[in-house]
Amino acid sequence: MQQADLRPGDTVAIVAPSGPPSATLLRQGVARLEGLGLKVVVGAHVLDRQELDYLAGADADRAADLQSAWCDPAVKAVFCCRGGYGAGRLLDLLDWDAMRAAGPKVLLGSSDITALHNAFAIELGVSTLHGPMPACELLGGENGPEPRTWASLQAALSGAQESVRGDRVLVPGRAEGELSGGNLSLLASMCGTRWQPSFEGRLAFLEDVGEEPYRIDRMLTQLLQAGAFDGVRGIALGSWVECGDPYPVLRDRLAPLGVPVLAGLPAGHGSPQMSLWLGRLGVIDTESCSLSGPDRDGEQAT
């Protein structure tokens, strides 16, 4: 996939495609990014509110901010300020032809932003960055960014990805392929749409928050029955915050696929939150209990 990396002096646009951000966290997150030498501009509607208070303003306005930022030739990256809910509502409102013509840029976000990661991969053919967002505690918190999260993000923005270590192996082995995925709930919600996920020939990355094991079972079953895991090469499992003990169901549903399954990666929700490039080469190695990605020159990191 096409990719674009950031350098000091580049312009970053912050948009709110999902839930409404805290103005305080957003201000502090912007200051942290400016401390990296980035020029930060904030979308016109980022602090909007409407009757549906779980959305950061009207769908049309959130979509307009996202599209305007992506199509602005001065903008090198678009950072989503937080997750929540609502990104999937924008997918029918975006002019994909215009965004395709704008060329590759960096899209940063996680959680609900999985809807954009998946759609951008399908529509635009760009790699995107699954990582922490500026109006969240890990970057915009009063006491400064969480150190490991911040270091991982800086490495990723410069084009590299640190090797991320898990804490358990569900199925041993080694697998290589383009990394794809994100939040399990969002991926399941896209089944049956134009943006249905497919992990064929890829490594699947999955994580979630606040889901009981039976709901994880239901969503995995939906993806399995939809064929999303057909041809998958390996599976990397991130954090499962407030999900009880998810590992029995993860093993039950995923081990029969017969591919390596690495678990316990500090990516997704929780702290720290390591950054992962989606749409770029990754390697699962259960012997070292790690997921590694390309270095700055595109070679495999060790």
C-alpha atoms as a PDB file:
ATOM      1  CA  MET A   1       0.000   0.000   0.000  1.00  0.00           C
ATOM      2  CA  GLN A   2       0.994   3.640  -0.484  1.00  0.00           C
ATOM      3  CA  GLN A   3       2.415   5.400   2.547  1.00  0.00           C
ATOM      4  CA  ALA A   4       3.460   8.822   3.749  1.00  0.00           C
ATOM      5  CA  ASP A   5       5.592   9.600   6.793  1.00  0.00           C
ATOM      6  CA  LEU A   6       5.949  12.794   8.858  1.00  0.00           C
ATOM      7  CA  ARG A   7       8.866  15.144   9.398  1.00  0.00           C
ATOM      8  CA  PRO A   8       9.240  18.302  11.566  1.00  0.00           C
ATOM      9  CA  GLY A   9       7.554  21.228   9.861  1.00  0.00           C
ATOM     10  CA  ASP A  10       4.792  19.092   8.325  1.00  0.00           C
ATOM     11  CA  THR A  11       1.186  20.155   8.807  1.00  0.00           C
ATOM     12  CA  VAL A  12      -1.192  17.894  10.726  1.00  0.00           C
ATOM     13  CA  ALA A  13      -4.961  18.382  10.727  1.00  0.00           C
ATOM     14  CA  ILE A  14      -7.062  17.226  13.685  1.00  0.00           C
ATOM     15  CA  VAL A  15     -10.658  16.175  13.025  1.00  0.00           C
ATOM     16  CA  ALA A  16     -13.469  14.592  15.063  1.00  0.00           C
ATOM     17  CA  PRO A  17     -15.202  11.904  12.972  1.00  0.00           C
ATOM     18  CA  SER A  18     -16.635  10.120  16.022  1.00  0.00           C
ATOM     19  CA  GLY A  19     -17.409  11.279  19.564  1.00  0.00           C
ATOM     20  CA  PRO A  20     -17.073  14.796  21.005  1.00  0.00           C
ATOM     21  CA  PRO A  21     -13.628  15.552  22.464  1.00  0.00           C
ATOM     22  CA  SER A  22     -12.745  17.292  25.696  1.00  0.00           C
ATOM     23  CA  ALA A  23     -11.573  20.797  24.812  1.00  0.00           C
ATOM     24  CA  THR A  24      -8.930  20.592  27.548  1.00  0.00           C
ATOM     25  CA  LEU A  25      -7.508  17.262  26.403  1.00  0.00           C
ATOM     26  CA  LEU A  26      -7.559  18.470  22.795  1.00  0.00           C
ATOM     27  CA  ARG A  27      -5.662  21.653  23.651  1.00  0.00           C
ATOM     28  CA  GLN A  28      -3.027  19.706  25.574  1.00  0.00           C
ATOM     29  CA  GLY A  29      -2.740  17.085  22.837  1.00  0.00           C
ATOM     30  CA  VAL A  30      -2.220  19.803  20.232  1.00  0.00           C
ATOM     31  CA  ALA A  31       0.565  21.294  22.357  1.00  0.00           C
ATOM     32  CA  ARG A  32       2.303  17.902  22.581  1.00  0.00           C
ATOM     33  CA  LEU A  33       2.245  17.525  18.787  1.00  0.00           C
ATOM     34  CA  GLU A  34       3.495  21.056  18.290  1.00  0.00           C
ATOM     35  CA  GLY A  35       6.357  20.121  20.591  1.00  0.00           C
ATOM     36  CA  LEU A  36       7.456  17.642  17.905  1.00  0.00           C
ATOM     37  CA  GLY A  37       7.846  20.493  15.443  1.00  0.00           C
ATOM     38  CA  LEU A  38       4.564  19.791  13.673  1.00  0.00           C
ATOM     39  CA  LYS A  39       2.209  22.533  12.536  1.00  0.00           C
ATOM     40  CA  VAL A  40      -1.262  21.645  13.851  1.00  0.00           C
ATOM     41  CA  VAL A  41      -4.571  22.874  12.424  1.00  0.00           C
ATOM     42  CA  VAL A  42      -7.930  21.937  13.946  1.00  0.00           C
ATOM     43  CA  GLY A  43     -11.047  21.218  11.894  1.00  0.00           C
ATOM     44  CA  ALA A  44     -13.789  23.845  11.935  1.00  0.00           C
ATOM     45  CA  HIS A  45     -16.360  21.547  13.530  1.00  0.00           C
ATOM     46  CA  VAL A  46     -14.222  19.611  16.028  1.00  0.00           C
ATOM     47  CA  LEU A  47     -15.900  21.147  19.080  1.00  0.00           C
ATOM     48  CA  ASP A  48     -19.436  21.124  17.678  1.00  0.00           C
ATOM     49  CA  ARG A  49     -22.277  19.496  19.611  1.00  0.00           C
ATOM     50  CA  GLN A  50     -25.759  18.392  18.559  1.00  0.00           C
ATOM     51  CA  GLU A  51     -28.838  16.644  19.907  1.00  0.00           C
ATOM     52  CA  LEU A  52     -27.178  13.223  19.618  1.00  0.00           C
ATOM     53  CA  ASP A  53     -24.601  14.048  22.247  1.00  0.00           C
ATOM     54  CA  TYR A  54     -22.466  10.975  21.489  1.00  0.00           C
ATOM     55  CA  LEU A  55     -21.514  12.549  18.139  1.00  0.00           C
ATOM     56  CA  ALA A  56     -19.094  15.436  17.585  1.00  0.00           C
ATOM     57  CA  GLY A  57     -21.545  17.467  15.536  1.00  0.00           C
ATOM     58  CA  ALA A  58     -23.589  16.697  12.443  1.00  0.00           C
ATOM     59  CA  ASP A  59     -22.551  13.873  10.110  1.00  0.00           C
ATOM     60  CA  ALA A  60     -22.196  16.236   7.143  1.00  0.00           C
ATOM     61  CA  ASP A  61     -19.946  18.600   9.093  1.00  0.00           C
ATOM     62  CA  ARG A  62     -17.733  15.826  10.473  1.00  0.00           C
ATOM     63  CA  ALA A  63     -17.406  14.347   6.983  1.00  0.00           C
ATOM     64  CA  ALA A  64     -16.614  17.775   5.528  1.00  0.00           C
ATOM     65  CA  ASP A  65     -13.821  18.340   8.055  1.00  0.00           C
ATOM     66  CA  LEU A  66     -12.321  14.927   7.300  1.00  0.00           C
ATOM     67  CA  GLN A  67     -12.521  15.299   3.531  1.00  0.00           C
ATOM     68  CA  SER A  68     -11.270  18.892   3.546  1.00  0.00           C
ATOM     69  CA  ALA A  69      -8.253  17.919   5.634  1.00  0.00           C
ATOM     70  CA  TRP A  70      -7.433  14.904   3.480  1.00  0.00           C
ATOM     71  CA  CYS A  71      -7.736  16.875   0.241  1.00  0.00           C
ATOM     72  CA  ASP A  72      -5.753  19.905   1.451  1.00  0.00           C
ATOM     73  CA  PRO A  73      -2.345  19.719  -0.278  1.00  0.00           C
ATOM     74  CA  ALA A  74      -0.717  21.478   2.692  1.00  0.00           C
ATOM     75  CA  VAL A  75      -1.793  18.734   5.104  1.00  0.00           C
ATOM     76  CA  LYS A  76       0.508  15.727   5.439  1.00  0.00           C
ATOM     77  CA  ALA A  77      -1.480  13.836   8.090  1.00  0.00           C
ATOM     78  CA  VAL A  78      -4.979  13.675   9.519  1.00  0.00           C
ATOM     79  CA  PHE A  79      -5.269  12.789  13.207  1.00  0.00           C
ATOM     80  CA  CYS A  80      -8.617  11.760  14.654  1.00  0.00           C
ATOM     81  CA  CYS A  81      -8.926  13.426  18.043  1.00  0.00           C
ATOM     82  CA  ARG A  82     -10.764  10.546  19.768  1.00  0.00           C
ATOM     83  CA  GLY A  83     -12.923   7.474  19.177  1.00  0.00           C
ATOM     84  CA  GLY A  84     -16.323   6.772  20.692  1.00  0.00           C
ATOM     85  CA  TYR A  85     -18.882   6.250  17.963  1.00  0.00           C
ATOM     86  CA  GLY A  86     -19.830   7.758  14.633  1.00  0.00           C
ATOM     87  CA  ALA A  87     -17.062   7.258  12.056  1.00  0.00           C
ATOM     88  CA  GLY A  88     -19.034   4.602  10.199  1.00  0.00           C
ATOM     89  CA  ARG A  89     -21.849   7.113   9.607  1.00  0.00           C
ATOM     90  CA  LEU A  90     -19.499   9.168   7.419  1.00  0.00           C
ATOM     91  CA  LEU A  91     -18.468   6.530   4.900  1.00  0.00           C
ATOM     92  CA  ASP A  92     -21.377   7.167   2.505  1.00  0.00           C
ATOM     93  CA  LEU A  93     -20.815  10.936   2.693  1.00  0.00           C
ATOM     94  CA  LEU A  94     -17.179  11.039   1.594  1.00  0.00           C
ATOM     95  CA  ASP A  95     -16.123  11.765  -2.002  1.00  0.00           C
ATOM     96  CA  TRP A  96     -13.747   8.851  -2.399  1.00  0.00           C
ATOM     97  CA  ASP A  97     -12.665   9.926  -5.899  1.00  0.00           C
ATOM     98  CA  ALA A  98     -11.558  13.322  -4.616  1.00  0.00           C
ATOM     99  CA  MET A  99      -9.783  11.773  -1.645  1.00  0.00           C
ATOM    100  CA  ARG A 100      -8.088   9.221  -3.884  1.00  0.00           C
ATOM    101  CA  ALA A 101      -6.784  12.046  -6.076  1.00  0.00           C
ATOM    102  CA  ALA A 102      -5.238  13.745  -3.030  1.00  0.00           C
ATOM    103  CA  GLY A 103      -2.614  10.994  -2.750  1.00  0.00           C
ATOM    104  CA  PRO A 104      -1.266   9.157   0.305  1.00  0.00           C
ATOM    105  CA  LYS A 105      -1.254  10.774   3.731  1.00  0.00           C
ATOM    106  CA  VAL A 106      -1.108   9.551   7.317  1.00  0.00           C
ATOM    107  CA  LEU A 107      -4.409   8.758   9.050  1.00  0.00           C
ATOM    108  CA  LEU A 108      -4.052   8.255  12.808  1.00  0.00           C
ATOM    109  CA  GLY A 109      -6.654   6.842  15.173  1.00  0.00           C
ATOM    110  CA  SER A 110      -7.975   3.757  16.921  1.00  0.00           C
ATOM    111  CA  SER A 111     -11.128   2.245  18.425  1.00  0.00           C
ATOM    112  CA  ASP A 112     -14.089   3.634  16.403  1.00  0.00           C
ATOM    113  CA  ILE A 113     -11.594   4.905  13.804  1.00  0.00           C
ATOM    114  CA  THR A 114     -11.292   1.253  12.711  1.00  0.00           C
ATOM    115  CA  ALA A 115     -14.180   2.067  10.358  1.00  0.00           C
ATOM    116  CA  LEU A 116     -11.945   4.599   8.599  1.00  0.00           C
ATOM    117  CA  HIS A 117      -8.865   2.363   8.651  1.00  0.00           C
ATOM    118  CA  ASN A 118     -10.777  -0.383   6.866  1.00  0.00           C
ATOM    119  CA  ALA A 119     -12.509   1.920   4.382  1.00  0.00           C
ATOM    120  CA  PHE A 120      -9.342   3.894   3.580  1.00  0.00           C
ATOM    121  CA  ALA A 121      -7.492   0.649   2.846  1.00  0.00           C
ATOM    122  CA  ILE A 122     -10.236  -0.481   0.472  1.00  0.00           C
ATOM    123  CA  GLU A 123     -11.023   2.854  -1.177  1.00  0.00           C
ATOM    124  CA  LEU A 124      -7.669   4.650  -1.179  1.00  0.00           C
ATOM    125  CA  GLY A 125      -5.098   1.865  -0.920  1.00  0.00           C
ATOM    126  CA  VAL A 126      -3.141   3.700   1.775  1.00  0.00           C
ATOM    127  CA  SER A 127      -1.510   2.400   4.927  1.00  0.00           C
ATOM    128  CA  THR A 128      -2.878   3.953   8.117  1.00  0.00           C
ATOM    129  CA  LEU A 129      -1.649   4.260  11.687  1.00  0.00           C
ATOM    130  CA  HIS A 130      -3.502   2.545  14.526  1.00  0.00           C
ATOM    131  CA  GLY A 131      -2.450   4.487  17.584  1.00  0.00           C
ATOM    132  CA  PRO A 132      -3.220   6.962  20.366  1.00  0.00           C
ATOM    133  CA  MET A 133      -5.249  10.095  19.683  1.00  0.00           C
ATOM    134  CA  PRO A 134      -4.512  13.683  20.774  1.00  0.00           C
ATOM    135  CA  ALA A 135      -7.700  14.293  22.807  1.00  0.00           C
ATOM    136  CA  CYS A 136      -7.243  11.142  24.897  1.00  0.00           C
ATOM    137  CA  GLU A 137      -5.500  10.800  28.267  1.00  0.00           C
ATOM    138  CA  LEU A 138      -2.476   8.926  26.908  1.00  0.00           C
ATOM    139  CA  LEU A 139      -1.428  11.946  24.817  1.00  0.00           C
ATOM    140  CA  GLY A 140      -3.400  14.892  26.147  1.00  0.00           C
ATOM    141  CA  GLY A 141      -3.413  14.079  29.860  1.00  0.00           C
ATOM    142  CA  GLU A 142      -2.481  16.705  32.432  1.00  0.00           C
ATOM    143  CA  ASN A 143       0.721  14.947  33.443  1.00  0.00           C
ATOM    144  CA  GLY A 144       2.060  14.603  29.915  1.00  0.00           C
ATOM    145  CA  PRO A 145       1.954  11.727  27.444  1.00  0.00           C
ATOM    146  CA  GLU A 146       2.409   8.180  28.680  1.00  0.00           C
ATOM    147  CA  PRO A 147       6.121   7.525  27.963  1.00  0.00           C
ATOM    148  CA  ARG A 148       5.993   4.207  26.095  1.00  0.00           C
ATOM    149  CA  THR A 149       2.921   5.298  24.123  1.00  0.00           C
ATOM    150  CA  TRP A 150       4.616   8.574  23.167  1.00  0.00           C
ATOM    151  CA  ALA A 151       7.882   6.927  22.134  1.00  0.00           C
ATOM    152  CA  SER A 152       6.078   4.341  20.004  1.00  0.00           C
ATOM    153  CA  LEU A 153       4.013   7.016  18.264  1.00  0.00           C
ATOM    154  CA  GLN A 154       7.062   9.141  17.468  1.00  0.00           C
ATOM    155  CA  ALA A 155       8.844   6.144  15.965  1.00  0.00           C
ATOM    156  CA  ALA A 156       5.794   5.265  13.878  1.00  0.00           C
ATOM    157  CA  LEU A 157       5.307   8.822  12.618  1.00  0.00           C
ATOM    158  CA  SER A 158       8.879   8.810  11.332  1.00  0.00           C
ATOM    159  CA  GLY A 159       8.089   5.697   9.299  1.00  0.00           C
ATOM    160  CA  ALA A 160       9.285   2.927  11.585  1.00  0.00           C
ATOM    161  CA  GLN A 161       7.462   0.612  13.932  1.00  0.00           C
ATOM    162  CA  GLU A 162       8.938  -0.713  17.125  1.00  0.00           C
ATOM    163  CA  SER A 163       8.683  -4.443  17.720  1.00  0.00           C
ATOM    164  CA  VAL A 164       5.705  -5.004  20.031  1.00  0.00           C
ATOM    165  CA  ARG A 165       5.825  -7.910  22.458  1.00  0.00           C
ATOM    166  CA  GLY A 166       2.847  -9.914  23.615  1.00  0.00           C
ATOM    167  CA  ASP A 167       2.534 -11.879  26.818  1.00  0.00           C
ATOM    168  CA  ARG A 168       1.152 -15.225  25.622  1.00  0.00           C
ATOM    169  CA  VAL A 169       0.902 -17.551  22.639  1.00  0.00           C
ATOM    170  CA  LEU A 170      -2.396 -19.209  21.731  1.00  0.00           C
ATOM    171  CA  VAL A 171      -1.070 -21.012  18.644  1.00  0.00           C
ATOM    172  CA  PRO A 172       2.704 -21.206  17.982  1.00  0.00           C
ATOM    173  CA  GLY A 173       4.362 -20.365  14.687  1.00  0.00           C
ATOM    174  CA  ARG A 174       5.635 -17.601  12.451  1.00  0.00           C
ATOM    175  CA  ALA A 175       3.650 -15.660   9.861  1.00  0.00           C
ATOM    176  CA  GLU A 176       4.317 -12.696   7.596  1.00  0.00           C
ATOM    177  CA  GLY A 177       1.907 -10.443   5.755  1.00  0.00           C
ATOM    178  CA  GLU A 178       0.261  -7.053   5.586  1.00  0.00           C
ATOM    179  CA  LEU A 179      -1.293  -6.120   8.935  1.00  0.00           C
ATOM    180  CA  SER A 180      -5.021  -5.350   8.895  1.00  0.00           C
ATOM    181  CA  GLY A 181      -7.844  -4.993  11.378  1.00  0.00           C
ATOM    182  CA  GLY A 182      -8.466  -3.022  14.560  1.00  0.00           C
ATOM    183  CA  ASN A 183     -11.425  -2.962  16.909  1.00  0.00           C
ATOM    184  CA  LEU A 184     -13.396  -6.214  16.786  1.00  0.00           C
ATOM    185  CA  SER A 185     -16.800  -4.581  17.292  1.00  0.00           C
ATOM    186  CA  LEU A 186     -16.261  -2.191  14.394  1.00  0.00           C
ATOM    187  CA  LEU A 187     -14.967  -4.913  12.085  1.00  0.00           C
ATOM    188  CA  ALA A 188     -18.007  -7.079  12.804  1.00  0.00           C
ATOM    189  CA  SER A 189     -20.321  -4.116  12.211  1.00  0.00           C
ATOM    190  CA  MET A 190     -18.923  -3.703   8.679  1.00  0.00           C
ATOM    191  CA  CYS A 191     -19.897  -7.217   7.592  1.00  0.00           C
ATOM    192  CA  GLY A 192     -22.410  -7.063   4.767  1.00  0.00           C
ATOM    193  CA  THR A 193     -21.338  -3.569   3.730  1.00  0.00           C
ATOM    194  CA  ARG A 194     -19.240  -2.323   0.851  1.00  0.00           C
ATOM    195  CA  TRP A 195     -16.353  -2.179   3.335  1.00  0.00           C
ATOM    196  CA  GLN A 196     -16.592  -5.737   4.671  1.00  0.00           C
ATOM    197  CA  PRO A 197     -13.208  -6.742   6.127  1.00  0.00           C
ATOM    198  CA  SER A 198     -11.091  -9.491   4.607  1.00  0.00           C
ATOM    199  CA  PHE A 199      -7.878 -10.877   6.072  1.00  0.00           C
ATOM    200  CA  GLU A 200      -7.016 -13.053   3.078  1.00  0.00           C
ATOM    201  CA  GLY A 201      -3.220 -13.172   2.711  1.00  0.00           C
ATOM    202  CA  ARG A 202      -2.860 -10.838   5.701  1.00  0.00           C
ATOM    203  CA  LEU A 203      -2.196 -10.748   9.417  1.00  0.00           C
ATOM    204  CA  ALA A 204      -5.285  -9.888  11.429  1.00  0.00           C
ATOM    205  CA  PHE A 205      -5.007  -7.528  14.388  1.00  0.00           C
ATOM    206  CA  LEU A 206      -7.937  -7.561  16.840  1.00  0.00           C
ATOM    207  CA  GLU A 207      -8.704  -5.790  20.127  1.00  0.00           C
ATOM    208  CA  ASP A 208     -11.710  -4.499  22.057  1.00  0.00           C
ATOM    209  CA  VAL A 209     -12.919  -2.904  25.260  1.00  0.00           C
ATOM    210  CA  GLY A 210     -15.886  -3.510  27.547  1.00  0.00           C
ATOM    211  CA  GLU A 211     -17.142  -6.653  25.789  1.00  0.00           C
ATOM    212  CA  GLU A 212     -18.179  -9.795  27.655  1.00  0.00           C
ATOM    213  CA  PRO A 213     -16.643 -13.053  26.360  1.00  0.00           C
ATOM    214  CA  TYR A 214     -19.951 -14.215  24.852  1.00  0.00           C
ATOM    215  CA  ARG A 215     -20.154 -11.015  22.807  1.00  0.00           C
ATOM    216  CA  ILE A 216     -16.576 -11.528  21.623  1.00  0.00           C
ATOM    217  CA  ASP A 217     -17.671 -15.040  20.620  1.00  0.00           C
ATOM    218  CA  ARG A 218     -20.637 -13.616  18.717  1.00  0.00           C
ATOM    219  CA  MET A 219     -18.537 -11.096  16.797  1.00  0.00           C
ATOM    220  CA  LEU A 220     -15.814 -13.597  15.946  1.00  0.00           C
ATOM    221  CA  THR A 221     -18.468 -16.057  14.794  1.00  0.00           C
ATOM    222  CA  GLN A 222     -19.988 -13.366  12.579  1.00  0.00           C
ATOM    223  CA  LEU A 223     -16.626 -12.627  10.976  1.00  0.00           C
ATOM    224  CA  LEU A 224     -15.875 -16.329  10.550  1.00  0.00           C
ATOM    225  CA  GLN A 225     -19.235 -17.020   8.926  1.00  0.00           C
ATOM    226  CA  ALA A 226     -18.810 -13.977   6.667  1.00  0.00           C
ATOM    227  CA  GLY A 227     -15.505 -15.402   5.394  1.00  0.00           C
ATOM    228  CA  ALA A 228     -13.401 -12.555   6.782  1.00  0.00           C
ATOM    229  CA  PHE A 229     -10.763 -14.992   8.094  1.00  0.00           C
ATOM    230  CA  ASP A 230     -10.543 -17.083   4.907  1.00  0.00           C
ATOM    231  CA  GLY A 231      -6.867 -17.201   3.923  1.00  0.00           C
ATOM    232  CA  VAL A 232      -5.613 -15.351   7.001  1.00  0.00           C
ATOM    233  CA  ARG A 233      -1.898 -15.942   7.637  1.00  0.00           C
ATOM    234  CA  GLY A 234      -1.688 -15.130  11.339  1.00  0.00           C
ATOM    235  CA  ILE A 235      -3.488 -13.298  14.128  1.00  0.00           C
ATOM    236  CA  ALA A 236      -2.172 -10.690  16.588  1.00  0.00           C
ATOM    237  CA  LEU A 237      -4.407  -9.958  19.579  1.00  0.00           C
ATOM    238  CA  GLY A 238      -4.129  -6.659  21.397  1.00  0.00           C
ATOM    239  CA  SER A 239      -5.680  -5.466  24.639  1.00  0.00           C
ATOM    240  CA  TRP A 240      -9.057  -6.637  25.966  1.00  0.00           C
ATOM    241  CA  VAL A 241      -9.771  -4.048  28.644  1.00  0.00           C
ATOM    242  CA  GLU A 242     -12.800  -4.801  30.850  1.00  0.00           C
ATOM    243  CA  CYS A 243     -13.572  -7.936  28.838  1.00  0.00           C
ATOM    244  CA  GLY A 244     -13.350 -10.475  31.665  1.00  0.00           C
ATOM    245  CA  ASP A 245     -11.187 -13.431  30.599  1.00  0.00           C
ATOM    246  CA  PRO A 246     -11.421 -13.416  26.793  1.00  0.00           C
ATOM    247  CA  TYR A 247      -8.742 -16.023  26.127  1.00  0.00           C
ATOM    248  CA  PRO A 248     -10.837 -19.217  26.288  1.00  0.00           C
ATOM    249  CA  VAL A 249     -13.185 -17.898  23.597  1.00  0.00           C
ATOM    250  CA  LEU A 250     -10.358 -16.404  21.530  1.00  0.00           C
ATOM    251  CA  ARG A 251      -8.588 -19.751  21.552  1.00  0.00           C
ATOM    252  CA  ASP A 252     -11.819 -21.663  20.834  1.00  0.00           C
ATOM    253  CA  ARG A 253     -12.779 -19.566  17.793  1.00  0.00           C
ATOM    254  CA  LEU A 254      -9.332 -18.777  16.344  1.00  0.00           C
ATOM    255  CA  ALA A 255      -7.122 -21.800  17.008  1.00  0.00           C
ATOM    256  CA  PRO A 256      -9.047 -23.994  14.499  1.00  0.00           C
ATOM    257  CA  LEU A 257      -7.882 -21.656  11.717  1.00  0.00           C
ATOM    258  CA  GLY A 258      -4.471 -23.343  12.031  1.00  0.00           C
ATOM    259  CA  VAL A 259      -2.387 -20.155  11.897  1.00  0.00           C
ATOM    260  CA  PRO A 260      -0.096 -18.570  14.516  1.00  0.00           C
ATOM    261  CA  VAL A 261      -1.987 -16.577  17.167  1.00  0.00           C
ATOM    262  CA  LEU A 262      -0.022 -14.149  19.347  1.00  0.00           C
ATOM    263  CA  ALA A 263      -1.838 -12.445  22.249  1.00  0.00           C
ATOM    264  CA  GLY A 264      -1.390  -9.822  24.929  1.00  0.00           C
ATOM    265  CA  LEU A 265       0.017  -7.045  22.732  1.00  0.00           C
ATOM    266  CA  PRO A 266      -0.234  -3.617  24.413  1.00  0.00           C
ATOM    267  CA  ALA A 267      -2.155  -2.104  21.512  1.00  0.00           C
ATOM    268  CA  GLY A 268      -5.742  -0.946  21.336  1.00  0.00           C
ATOM    269  CA  HIS A 269      -7.178   0.320  24.613  1.00  0.00           C
ATOM    270  CA  GLY A 270      -5.409   0.526  27.940  1.00  0.00           C
ATOM    271  CA  SER A 271      -1.948   1.815  28.780  1.00  0.00           C
ATOM    272  CA  PRO A 272       0.517   1.801  27.157  1.00  0.00           C
ATOM    273  CA  GLN A 273      -0.908   1.944  23.653  1.00  0.00           C
ATOM    274  CA  MET A 274       1.684   1.029  21.073  1.00  0.00           C
ATOM    275  CA  SER A 275       1.301   2.271  17.507  1.00  0.00           C
ATOM    276  CA  LEU A 276       0.829  -0.216  14.659  1.00  0.00           C
ATOM    277  CA  TRP A 277       0.991   0.473  10.940  1.00  0.00           C
ATOM    278  CA  LEU A 278      -1.967  -1.138   9.167  1.00  0.00           C
ATOM    279  CA  GLY A 279      -1.434  -1.908   5.500  1.00  0.00           C
ATOM    280  CA  ARG A 280       2.291  -2.503   5.939  1.00  0.00           C
ATOM    281  CA  LEU A 281       4.328  -5.662   6.282  1.00  0.00           C
ATOM    282  CA  GLY A 282       4.286  -7.324   9.669  1.00  0.00           C
ATOM    283  CA  VAL A 283       5.765 -10.508  11.122  1.00  0.00           C
ATOM    284  CA  ILE A 284       4.320 -12.571  13.952  1.00  0.00           C
ATOM    285  CA  ASP A 285       6.987 -14.641  15.704  1.00  0.00           C
ATOM    286  CA  THR A 286       5.684 -16.589  18.676  1.00  0.00           C
ATOM    287  CA  GLU A 287       9.187 -17.747  19.639  1.00  0.00           C
ATOM    288  CA  SER A 288      10.038 -14.150  20.549  1.00  0.00           C
ATOM    289  CA  CYS A 289       6.362 -13.422  21.358  1.00  0.00           C
ATOM    290  CA  SER A 290       6.509 -10.361  19.117  1.00  0.00           C
ATOM    291  CA  LEU A 291       4.888  -8.520  16.240  1.00  0.00           C
ATOM    292  CA  SER A 292       7.434  -6.566  14.225  1.00  0.00           C
ATOM    293  CA  GLY A 293       7.044  -4.205  11.317  1.00  0.00           C
ATOM    294  CA  PRO A 294       9.213  -2.472   8.708  1.00  0.00           C
ATOM    295  CA  ASP A 295      11.939  -0.049   9.637  1.00  0.00           C
ATOM    296  CA  ARG A 296      12.326   3.360   7.995  1.00  0.00           C
ATOM    297  CA  ASP A 297      13.769   1.830   4.833  1.00  0.00           C
ATOM    298  CA  GLY A 298      11.006  -0.740   4.492  1.00  0.00           C
ATOM    299  CA  GLU A 299      13.165  -3.649   5.646  1.00  0.00           C
ATOM    300  CA  GLN A 300      11.945  -5.973   8.359  1.00  0.00           C
ATOM    301  CA  ALA A 301      12.726  -4.762  11.876  1.00  0.00           C
ATOM    302  CA  THR A 302      14.401  -7.197  14.238  1.00  0.00           C
END
